[in-house]
Amino acid sequence: MADDCIFCKIAEKAIPSTIVYEDELVVAFKDNNPQAPVHILLIPKKHISTVITLTHDDKELVGHMFLVAASLAREQQIAQDGFRLVTNCNQDGGQTVFHLHMHLLGGRSLTWPPG
């Protein structure tokens, strides 16, 4: 856990959040500023700053994150119509919290390009 990381604090339950899924590897919670009717953030409990800092040891964790995202999409009833998974990397990529995370967005038609 990184002491100054808000997502690490959410994973440790030091900061309240609306958690919709948790297991030994990941936590998923509702975004405080949703950009779609369904907007869930999925984070690893292990602090990983960015996609760039992933290692080969993280392959199973990242695969697990995608499987959990798919399960959440089904649970939130957005799998059939479609959804978007977004992971931003570094400042110019739109990353504002430097803890690896995935946005699960759905519940409406999503436009392209996003921004």
C-alpha atoms as a PDB file:
ATOM      1  CA  MET A   1       0.000   0.000   0.000  1.00  0.00           C
ATOM      2  CA  ALA A   2       1.223   3.467  -0.868  1.00  0.00           C
ATOM      3  CA  ASP A   3       0.609   5.837   2.051  1.00  0.00           C
ATOM      4  CA  ASP A   4      -0.556   8.750  -0.098  1.00  0.00           C
ATOM      5  CA  CYS A   5      -2.666   6.746  -2.587  1.00  0.00           C
ATOM      6  CA  ILE A   6      -6.429   7.316  -2.373  1.00  0.00           C
ATOM      7  CA  PHE A   7      -7.177   3.980  -4.084  1.00  0.00           C
ATOM      8  CA  CYS A   8      -4.964   2.079  -1.636  1.00  0.00           C
ATOM      9  CA  LYS A   9      -6.902   3.774   1.166  1.00  0.00           C
ATOM     10  CA  ILE A  10     -10.212   2.736  -0.423  1.00  0.00           C
ATOM     11  CA  ALA A  11      -8.948  -0.852  -0.757  1.00  0.00           C
ATOM     12  CA  GLU A  12      -7.961  -0.804   2.922  1.00  0.00           C
ATOM     13  CA  LYS A  13     -11.380   0.715   3.790  1.00  0.00           C
ATOM     14  CA  ALA A  14      -9.713   3.756   5.360  1.00  0.00           C
ATOM     15  CA  ILE A  15     -11.819   5.898   3.007  1.00  0.00           C
ATOM     16  CA  PRO A  16     -15.499   5.002   2.599  1.00  0.00           C
ATOM     17  CA  SER A  17     -16.716   3.958  -0.821  1.00  0.00           C
ATOM     18  CA  THR A  18     -19.625   2.081  -2.339  1.00  0.00           C
ATOM     19  CA  ILE A  19     -17.939  -1.271  -2.931  1.00  0.00           C
ATOM     20  CA  VAL A  20     -19.753  -3.517  -5.396  1.00  0.00           C
ATOM     21  CA  TYR A  21     -17.198  -6.361  -5.502  1.00  0.00           C
ATOM     22  CA  GLU A  22     -14.178  -7.502  -3.525  1.00  0.00           C
ATOM     23  CA  ASP A  23     -11.950 -10.540  -3.419  1.00  0.00           C
ATOM     24  CA  GLU A  24      -8.372 -11.231  -2.339  1.00  0.00           C
ATOM     25  CA  LEU A  25      -6.919  -9.456  -5.410  1.00  0.00           C
ATOM     26  CA  VAL A  26      -9.235  -6.622  -6.432  1.00  0.00           C
ATOM     27  CA  VAL A  27     -11.852  -4.128  -5.259  1.00  0.00           C
ATOM     28  CA  ALA A  28     -14.568  -2.580  -7.424  1.00  0.00           C
ATOM     29  CA  PHE A  29     -16.510   0.494  -6.355  1.00  0.00           C
ATOM     30  CA  LYS A  30     -18.856   3.104  -7.789  1.00  0.00           C
ATOM     31  CA  ASP A  31     -17.184   6.198  -9.229  1.00  0.00           C
ATOM     32  CA  ASN A  32     -17.937   9.368  -7.235  1.00  0.00           C
ATOM     33  CA  ASN A  33     -18.282  11.358 -10.469  1.00  0.00           C
ATOM     34  CA  PRO A  34     -20.025   8.923 -12.836  1.00  0.00           C
ATOM     35  CA  GLN A  35     -19.740   9.525 -16.575  1.00  0.00           C
ATOM     36  CA  ALA A  36     -22.403   6.941 -17.448  1.00  0.00           C
ATOM     37  CA  PRO A  37     -25.368   5.310 -15.665  1.00  0.00           C
ATOM     38  CA  VAL A  38     -22.968   2.499 -14.711  1.00  0.00           C
ATOM     39  CA  HIS A  39     -19.475   3.716 -13.820  1.00  0.00           C
ATOM     40  CA  ILE A  40     -17.453   1.344 -11.670  1.00  0.00           C
ATOM     41  CA  LEU A  41     -13.757   1.553 -10.885  1.00  0.00           C
ATOM     42  CA  LEU A  42     -11.880  -1.731 -10.596  1.00  0.00           C
ATOM     43  CA  ILE A  43      -8.515  -1.649  -8.833  1.00  0.00           C
ATOM     44  CA  PRO A  44      -5.947  -4.214  -7.753  1.00  0.00           C
ATOM     45  CA  LYS A  45      -5.283  -4.311  -4.024  1.00  0.00           C
ATOM     46  CA  LYS A  46      -1.589  -4.363  -4.889  1.00  0.00           C
ATOM     47  CA  HIS A  47      -0.331  -0.843  -5.566  1.00  0.00           C
ATOM     48  CA  ILE A  48       0.749  -0.608  -9.202  1.00  0.00           C
ATOM     49  CA  SER A  49       1.204   2.977 -10.377  1.00  0.00           C
ATOM     50  CA  THR A  50       0.548   2.646 -14.120  1.00  0.00           C
ATOM     51  CA  VAL A  51       0.267   0.160 -16.965  1.00  0.00           C
ATOM     52  CA  ILE A  52       3.934   0.910 -17.668  1.00  0.00           C
ATOM     53  CA  THR A  53       4.989  -0.406 -14.254  1.00  0.00           C
ATOM     54  CA  LEU A  54       3.285  -3.795 -14.739  1.00  0.00           C
ATOM     55  CA  THR A  55       5.628  -6.796 -14.653  1.00  0.00           C
ATOM     56  CA  HIS A  56       5.331 -10.362 -15.894  1.00  0.00           C
ATOM     57  CA  ASP A  57       4.381 -11.294 -12.330  1.00  0.00           C
ATOM     58  CA  ASP A  58       1.181  -9.236 -12.762  1.00  0.00           C
ATOM     59  CA  LYS A  59      -0.188 -11.233 -15.738  1.00  0.00           C
ATOM     60  CA  GLU A  60      -2.650 -13.266 -13.668  1.00  0.00           C
ATOM     61  CA  LEU A  61      -3.796 -10.188 -11.749  1.00  0.00           C
ATOM     62  CA  VAL A  62      -4.538  -8.238 -14.942  1.00  0.00           C
ATOM     63  CA  GLY A  63      -6.354 -11.216 -16.454  1.00  0.00           C
ATOM     64  CA  HIS A  64      -8.368 -11.524 -13.249  1.00  0.00           C
ATOM     65  CA  MET A  65      -9.320  -7.845 -13.489  1.00  0.00           C
ATOM     66  CA  PHE A  66     -10.788  -8.424 -16.970  1.00  0.00           C
ATOM     67  CA  LEU A  67     -12.734 -11.478 -15.794  1.00  0.00           C
ATOM     68  CA  VAL A  68     -14.145  -9.514 -12.839  1.00  0.00           C
ATOM     69  CA  ALA A  69     -15.062  -6.636 -15.175  1.00  0.00           C
ATOM     70  CA  ALA A  70     -16.977  -9.049 -17.427  1.00  0.00           C
ATOM     71  CA  SER A  71     -18.790 -10.506 -14.423  1.00  0.00           C
ATOM     72  CA  LEU A  72     -19.696  -7.025 -13.172  1.00  0.00           C
ATOM     73  CA  ALA A  73     -20.977  -6.059 -16.639  1.00  0.00           C
ATOM     74  CA  ARG A  74     -23.298  -9.074 -16.561  1.00  0.00           C
ATOM     75  CA  GLU A  75     -24.364  -8.293 -12.982  1.00  0.00           C
ATOM     76  CA  GLN A  76     -25.070  -4.650 -13.877  1.00  0.00           C
ATOM     77  CA  GLN A  77     -27.057  -5.832 -16.921  1.00  0.00           C
ATOM     78  CA  ILE A  78     -24.909  -3.936 -19.444  1.00  0.00           C
ATOM     79  CA  ALA A  79     -23.157  -6.917 -21.024  1.00  0.00           C
ATOM     80  CA  GLN A  80     -25.784  -7.557 -23.695  1.00  0.00           C
ATOM     81  CA  ASP A  81     -26.036  -3.974 -24.995  1.00  0.00           C
ATOM     82  CA  GLY A  82     -22.334  -3.211 -24.553  1.00  0.00           C
ATOM     83  CA  PHE A  83     -19.927  -1.402 -22.299  1.00  0.00           C
ATOM     84  CA  ARG A  84     -16.502   0.181 -22.303  1.00  0.00           C
ATOM     85  CA  LEU A  85     -13.399  -0.648 -20.276  1.00  0.00           C
ATOM     86  CA  VAL A  86     -10.928   2.239 -19.998  1.00  0.00           C
ATOM     87  CA  THR A  87      -7.464   2.308 -18.495  1.00  0.00           C
ATOM     88  CA  ASN A  88      -5.603   5.600 -18.764  1.00  0.00           C
ATOM     89  CA  CYS A  89      -1.825   5.783 -18.509  1.00  0.00           C
ATOM     90  CA  ASN A  90       0.111   8.798 -17.267  1.00  0.00           C
ATOM     91  CA  GLN A  91      -0.875  12.460 -17.379  1.00  0.00           C
ATOM     92  CA  ASP A  92      -1.350  12.948 -21.136  1.00  0.00           C
ATOM     93  CA  GLY A  93      -3.338   9.710 -21.236  1.00  0.00           C
ATOM     94  CA  GLY A  94      -5.792  11.125 -18.710  1.00  0.00           C
ATOM     95  CA  GLN A  95      -4.614   9.271 -15.600  1.00  0.00           C
ATOM     96  CA  THR A  96      -5.304  11.355 -12.494  1.00  0.00           C
ATOM     97  CA  VAL A  97      -4.884   8.710  -9.781  1.00  0.00           C
ATOM     98  CA  PHE A  98      -1.584   6.866 -10.056  1.00  0.00           C
ATOM     99  CA  HIS A  99      -2.844   3.456  -9.020  1.00  0.00           C
ATOM    100  CA  LEU A 100      -3.707   1.103 -11.868  1.00  0.00           C
ATOM    101  CA  HIS A 101      -7.460   1.088 -12.405  1.00  0.00           C
ATOM    102  CA  MET A 102     -10.080   0.192 -14.950  1.00  0.00           C
ATOM    103  CA  HIS A 103     -13.263   2.157 -15.599  1.00  0.00           C
ATOM    104  CA  LEU A 104     -16.304   0.017 -16.427  1.00  0.00           C
ATOM    105  CA  LEU A 105     -18.792   2.282 -18.225  1.00  0.00           C
ATOM    106  CA  GLY A 106     -22.205   1.422 -19.616  1.00  0.00           C
ATOM    107  CA  GLY A 107     -25.922   1.857 -19.440  1.00  0.00           C
ATOM    108  CA  ARG A 108     -26.131   4.228 -22.421  1.00  0.00           C
ATOM    109  CA  SER A 109     -24.783   4.485 -25.948  1.00  0.00           C
ATOM    110  CA  LEU A 110     -21.123   5.528 -25.708  1.00  0.00           C
ATOM    111  CA  THR A 111     -19.744   7.737 -28.467  1.00  0.00           C
ATOM    112  CA  TRP A 112     -16.392   7.544 -30.252  1.00  0.00           C
ATOM    113  CA  PRO A 113     -13.907   9.128 -30.140  1.00  0.00           C
ATOM    114  CA  PRO A 114     -14.186   9.662 -26.408  1.00  0.00           C
ATOM    115  CA  GLY A 115     -12.017  12.780 -26.195  1.00  0.00           C
END
